[in-house]
Amino acid sequence: MSEQRRGELRRIVQTRGFASLAELADSLSVSESTVRRDVDLLERLGEAKRTHGGVFWTGSADKMRVFDSRGDHSAAQKRGIAVAAAAQIHDGETVLLDGGSTTYEIARQLVIRRLQVVTNSLPVANLLSGCSNIELVLIGGNVDHRTGVTIGPMADSLLSSLRVDRAFLSVAGVDAEGYYNSNLLLVETERMMSRIAAVNCIVADSSKFGRASLSRLCGLGEVDGVITDKRLTTDWQNRLQTAGVELTLADET
């Protein structure tokens, strides 16, 4: 019976995007304390975020590609990185998130924050579109169906007219020469994102270090900060700090 109730609660929150505890208790004919326990479980699974009096859906959507942490050996590191990134963001700021599993985790941390969020990620936009506390700007352009991000000249043109307080960019690899991604057009869009940000930060789990990819975004010292996990080797920590990068090592969650 409890599994059936939790499944129905999950369906309600996913469908509505947000539901109050009172609404859920009434719909399920249970007490609010029972709803709180069920919501706590959803939150531990990364599918919901509690706020005062209610719960936001932060899990997957039925018709939108999102990032499933099941089978992702770096999932705990990425969640920790997201928590550390969210801690650097101040309410009222304009924040830019590119597409990627780590930046999607950051978006999950922001659903109850008062912010302006700019993104080229359809999954991130889908997640945040129901949050009345967030002013959402979705960058248009050519959609990469593999990643669900918009890229290309149209995206770059719109970005060039904007200014943001912070940009969080994900990468496929980091070596001594800098930061890389595997899509040429994506790298061009990320370069524009970096240029329009007062503070630009790379978010990448430690498995990305020591390997390159197709296209170089920029050199090691050409970003303001890097947020990664505590598995990063001492050698790489020294390299980043020597390059003048503000390094944050996040706990796993």
Protein backbone atom coordinates (compact mmCIF):
# COMPACT_ATOMS: atom_id res chain seq x y z
CA MET A 1 0.00 0.00 0.00
CA SER A 2 2.80 2.42 0.87
CA GLU A 3 4.52 1.77 -2.48
CA GLN A 4 1.26 2.46 -4.30
CA ARG A 5 0.80 5.70 -2.34
CA ARG A 6 4.35 6.83 -3.04
CA GLY A 7 3.91 6.07 -6.71
CA GLU A 8 0.77 8.20 -6.83
CA LEU A 9 2.48 11.02 -4.91
CA ARG A 10 5.37 10.89 -7.36
CA ARG A 11 2.96 11.06 -10.31
CA ILE A 12 1.12 14.08 -8.85
CA VAL A 13 4.28 16.06 -8.17
CA GLN A 14 5.79 15.18 -11.55
CA THR A 15 2.60 16.19 -13.39
CA ARG A 16 2.10 19.49 -11.55
CA GLY A 17 5.74 20.48 -11.12
CA PHE A 18 4.88 21.78 -7.63
CA ALA A 19 2.36 20.66 -5.04
CA SER A 20 1.70 21.78 -1.48
CA LEU A 21 1.84 19.26 1.34
CA ALA A 22 -1.82 19.96 2.12
CA GLU A 23 -2.83 19.22 -1.49
CA LEU A 24 -0.89 15.96 -1.47
CA ALA A 25 -2.36 14.89 1.87
CA ASP A 26 -5.88 15.61 0.61
CA SER A 27 -5.33 13.82 -2.73
CA LEU A 28 -3.90 10.73 -1.04
CA SER A 29 -6.20 10.77 2.02
CA VAL A 30 -3.27 10.63 4.44
CA SER A 31 -1.76 12.93 7.03
CA GLU A 32 0.78 15.63 6.18
CA SER A 33 3.35 13.82 8.32
CA THR A 34 2.98 10.76 6.08
CA VAL A 35 3.40 12.97 3.02
CA ARG A 36 6.54 14.51 4.53
CA ARG A 37 8.10 11.07 4.97
CA ASP A 38 7.28 10.13 1.37
CA VAL A 39 8.64 13.44 0.10
CA ASP A 40 11.82 12.93 2.12
CA LEU A 41 12.33 9.66 0.23
CA LEU A 42 11.79 11.39 -3.14
CA GLU A 43 14.29 14.05 -2.11
CA ARG A 44 16.90 11.43 -1.22
CA LEU A 45 16.38 9.90 -4.67
CA GLY A 46 16.99 13.30 -6.29
CA GLU A 47 13.45 13.51 -7.68
CA ALA A 48 12.07 16.27 -5.48
CA LYS A 49 13.09 19.34 -3.51
CA ARG A 50 11.28 20.40 -0.34
CA THR A 51 10.40 24.02 0.22
CA HIS A 52 8.20 25.77 2.76
CA GLY A 53 4.82 24.08 2.53
CA GLY A 54 5.42 22.09 -0.63
CA VAL A 55 7.62 20.16 -2.98
CA PHE A 56 9.09 20.81 -6.44
CA TRP A 57 9.64 18.03 -8.96
CA THR A 58 13.34 17.77 -9.89
CA GLY A 59 13.39 14.31 -11.45
CA SER A 60 13.01 13.15 -15.01
CA ALA A 61 10.21 14.13 -17.35
CA ASP A 62 8.39 11.58 -19.47
CA LYS A 63 8.95 13.32 -22.82
CA MET A 64 12.18 15.21 -22.24
CA ARG A 65 15.68 13.81 -22.36
CA VAL A 66 17.29 14.18 -18.96
CA PHE A 67 20.30 12.78 -17.20
CA ASP A 68 19.71 9.53 -15.37
CA SER A 69 22.20 9.00 -12.55
CA ARG A 70 21.59 5.24 -12.48
CA GLY A 71 24.75 3.53 -13.71
CA ASP A 72 26.72 6.79 -13.54
CA HIS A 73 29.75 5.96 -11.41
CA SER A 74 30.40 9.69 -10.88
CA ALA A 75 26.86 10.53 -9.73
CA ALA A 76 27.81 11.18 -6.10
CA GLN A 77 30.68 13.43 -7.15
CA LYS A 78 28.44 15.38 -9.53
CA ARG A 79 25.82 15.95 -6.84
CA GLY A 80 28.53 17.19 -4.47
CA ILE A 81 29.88 19.52 -7.15
CA ALA A 82 26.36 20.87 -7.69
CA VAL A 83 25.91 21.59 -3.98
CA ALA A 84 29.25 23.43 -3.92
CA ALA A 85 28.35 25.43 -7.03
CA ALA A 86 24.95 26.43 -5.62
CA ALA A 87 26.68 27.66 -2.46
CA GLN A 88 28.63 30.18 -4.56
CA ILE A 89 25.46 31.65 -6.09
CA HIS A 90 23.76 34.60 -4.39
CA ASP A 91 20.00 35.17 -4.56
CA GLY A 92 19.10 37.70 -7.23
CA GLU A 93 22.04 36.87 -9.48
CA THR A 94 21.89 35.99 -13.14
CA VAL A 95 23.36 32.53 -13.63
CA LEU A 96 24.21 30.76 -16.89
CA LEU A 97 24.12 26.95 -17.09
CA ASP A 98 25.22 25.05 -20.16
CA GLY A 99 24.10 21.52 -20.99
CA GLY A 100 25.51 18.52 -19.17
CA SER A 101 24.78 16.09 -16.36
CA THR A 102 26.70 18.17 -13.80
CA THR A 103 25.01 21.46 -14.69
CA TYR A 104 21.65 19.65 -14.59
CA GLU A 105 22.49 18.68 -11.01
CA ILE A 106 23.21 22.35 -10.29
CA ALA A 107 19.78 23.25 -11.67
CA ARG A 108 18.22 20.74 -9.27
CA GLN A 109 19.82 22.66 -6.40
CA LEU A 110 18.34 25.96 -7.62
CA VAL A 111 14.63 25.18 -7.87
CA ILE A 112 13.76 27.06 -4.67
CA ARG A 113 16.19 29.95 -5.18
CA ARG A 114 15.29 33.45 -6.38
CA LEU A 115 17.38 33.83 -9.52
CA GLN A 116 17.52 34.65 -13.19
CA VAL A 117 18.80 31.61 -15.08
CA VAL A 118 20.04 31.63 -18.66
CA THR A 119 20.54 28.25 -20.33
CA ASN A 120 20.91 26.54 -23.68
CA SER A 121 19.86 23.21 -22.16
CA LEU A 122 16.35 21.94 -22.87
CA PRO A 123 16.42 19.57 -19.86
CA VAL A 124 17.49 22.40 -17.54
CA ALA A 125 14.81 24.70 -18.99
CA ASN A 126 12.18 21.98 -18.60
CA LEU A 127 13.17 21.47 -14.97
CA LEU A 128 13.07 25.17 -14.06
CA SER A 129 10.13 26.29 -16.20
CA GLY A 130 7.61 25.62 -13.42
CA CYS A 131 9.51 27.63 -10.79
CA SER A 132 7.80 31.01 -10.33
CA ASN A 133 10.77 32.24 -8.29
CA ILE A 134 13.12 31.81 -11.27
CA GLU A 135 13.14 34.08 -14.30
CA LEU A 136 14.17 31.72 -17.07
CA VAL A 137 15.85 32.68 -20.35
CA LEU A 138 16.19 29.85 -22.88
CA ILE A 139 18.77 30.39 -25.62
CA GLY A 140 17.52 29.45 -29.08
CA GLY A 141 19.49 27.80 -31.88
CA ASN A 142 20.16 24.44 -33.49
CA VAL A 143 19.28 21.59 -31.11
CA ASP A 144 21.80 18.82 -30.61
CA HIS A 145 19.47 15.85 -30.20
CA ARG A 146 22.11 13.79 -28.39
CA THR A 147 22.59 16.29 -25.57
CA GLY A 148 19.46 18.46 -25.73
CA VAL A 149 21.40 21.74 -26.00
CA THR A 150 21.10 24.59 -28.46
CA ILE A 151 24.24 25.59 -30.33
CA GLY A 152 25.34 27.39 -33.48
CA PRO A 153 25.26 30.96 -34.84
CA MET A 154 21.77 31.78 -33.55
CA ALA A 155 22.68 30.75 -30.01
CA ASP A 156 25.96 32.66 -30.17
CA SER A 157 24.26 35.80 -31.49
CA LEU A 158 21.72 35.90 -28.66
CA LEU A 159 24.37 35.20 -26.05
CA SER A 160 26.50 38.08 -27.33
CA SER A 161 23.78 40.54 -26.30
CA LEU A 162 23.62 39.28 -22.71
CA ARG A 163 25.61 39.72 -19.52
CA VAL A 164 25.52 37.26 -16.60
CA ASP A 165 27.02 37.21 -13.12
CA ARG A 166 28.20 33.60 -13.23
CA ALA A 167 28.54 30.90 -15.87
CA PHE A 168 28.96 27.23 -15.04
CA LEU A 169 30.36 25.23 -17.95
CA SER A 170 30.77 21.47 -18.22
CA VAL A 171 33.59 19.84 -20.16
CA ALA A 172 34.47 16.40 -21.51
CA GLY A 173 38.15 16.57 -20.62
CA VAL A 174 40.96 18.56 -19.03
CA ASP A 175 44.69 18.28 -19.78
CA ALA A 176 47.75 20.48 -19.36
CA GLU A 177 46.66 22.57 -22.37
CA GLY A 178 43.20 23.37 -21.03
CA TYR A 179 39.54 22.35 -21.16
CA TYR A 180 37.87 20.37 -23.95
CA ASN A 181 34.55 19.27 -25.38
CA SER A 182 33.77 16.85 -28.16
CA ASN A 183 31.51 19.10 -30.27
CA LEU A 184 33.05 21.96 -32.27
CA LEU A 185 29.85 24.06 -32.34
CA LEU A 186 29.29 23.52 -28.63
CA VAL A 187 32.77 24.79 -27.85
CA GLU A 188 32.12 27.95 -29.89
CA THR A 189 28.92 28.54 -27.89
CA GLU A 190 30.73 27.89 -24.61
CA ARG A 191 33.43 30.42 -25.56
CA MET A 192 30.70 33.04 -25.97
CA MET A 193 29.20 32.01 -22.62
CA SER A 194 32.57 32.47 -20.97
CA ARG A 195 33.00 35.94 -22.49
CA ILE A 196 29.67 37.29 -21.24
CA ALA A 197 30.16 36.11 -17.64
CA ALA A 198 31.66 38.25 -14.88
CA VAL A 199 32.78 34.95 -13.30
CA ASN A 200 33.15 31.75 -15.30
CA CYS A 201 33.60 28.37 -13.67
CA ILE A 202 34.29 24.88 -14.97
CA VAL A 203 32.37 22.07 -13.26
CA ALA A 204 33.80 18.60 -13.87
CA ASP A 205 34.25 15.46 -11.82
CA SER A 206 37.80 14.21 -11.30
CA SER A 207 37.50 11.48 -13.95
CA LYS A 208 37.63 14.21 -16.62
CA PHE A 209 41.17 15.28 -15.68
CA GLY A 210 44.15 14.01 -17.63
CA ARG A 211 42.31 13.49 -20.88
CA ALA A 212 41.62 15.65 -23.93
CA SER A 213 38.77 15.74 -26.42
CA LEU A 214 38.15 17.02 -29.94
CA SER A 215 38.05 20.79 -29.43
CA ARG A 216 39.81 22.98 -26.87
CA LEU A 217 37.67 25.54 -25.08
CA CYS A 218 40.47 27.55 -23.46
CA GLY A 219 43.68 27.27 -21.44
CA LEU A 220 43.85 26.17 -17.82
CA GLY A 221 44.22 29.70 -16.44
CA GLU A 222 41.56 31.30 -18.68
CA VAL A 223 38.70 30.56 -16.28
CA ASP A 224 38.04 32.00 -12.84
CA GLY A 225 37.24 28.79 -11.02
CA VAL A 226 37.02 25.01 -11.15
CA ILE A 227 34.70 22.94 -8.99
CA THR A 228 35.50 19.24 -8.83
CA ASP A 229 35.50 16.45 -6.25
CA LYS A 230 38.04 15.48 -3.61
CA ARG A 231 39.32 12.55 -5.67
CA LEU A 232 41.32 15.00 -7.79
CA THR A 233 45.00 14.17 -7.53
CA THR A 234 47.43 16.45 -5.70
CA ASP A 235 49.31 16.96 -8.95
CA TRP A 236 46.20 18.33 -10.64
CA GLN A 237 45.34 20.47 -7.65
CA ASN A 238 48.81 22.05 -7.86
CA ARG A 239 48.51 22.59 -11.62
CA LEU A 240 45.22 24.44 -11.31
CA GLN A 241 46.38 26.58 -8.41
CA THR A 242 49.61 27.43 -10.25
CA ALA A 243 47.47 28.53 -13.21
CA GLY A 244 45.71 31.00 -10.89
CA VAL A 245 42.39 29.16 -10.81
CA GLU A 246 40.20 29.23 -7.70
CA LEU A 247 39.80 25.53 -6.93
CA THR A 248 36.88 24.10 -4.96
CA LEU A 249 36.95 20.45 -3.90
CA ALA A 250 33.44 19.20 -3.16
CA ASP A 251 32.33 16.40 -0.87
CA GLU A 252 30.40 13.51 -2.42
CA THR A 253 26.69 13.39 -1.61
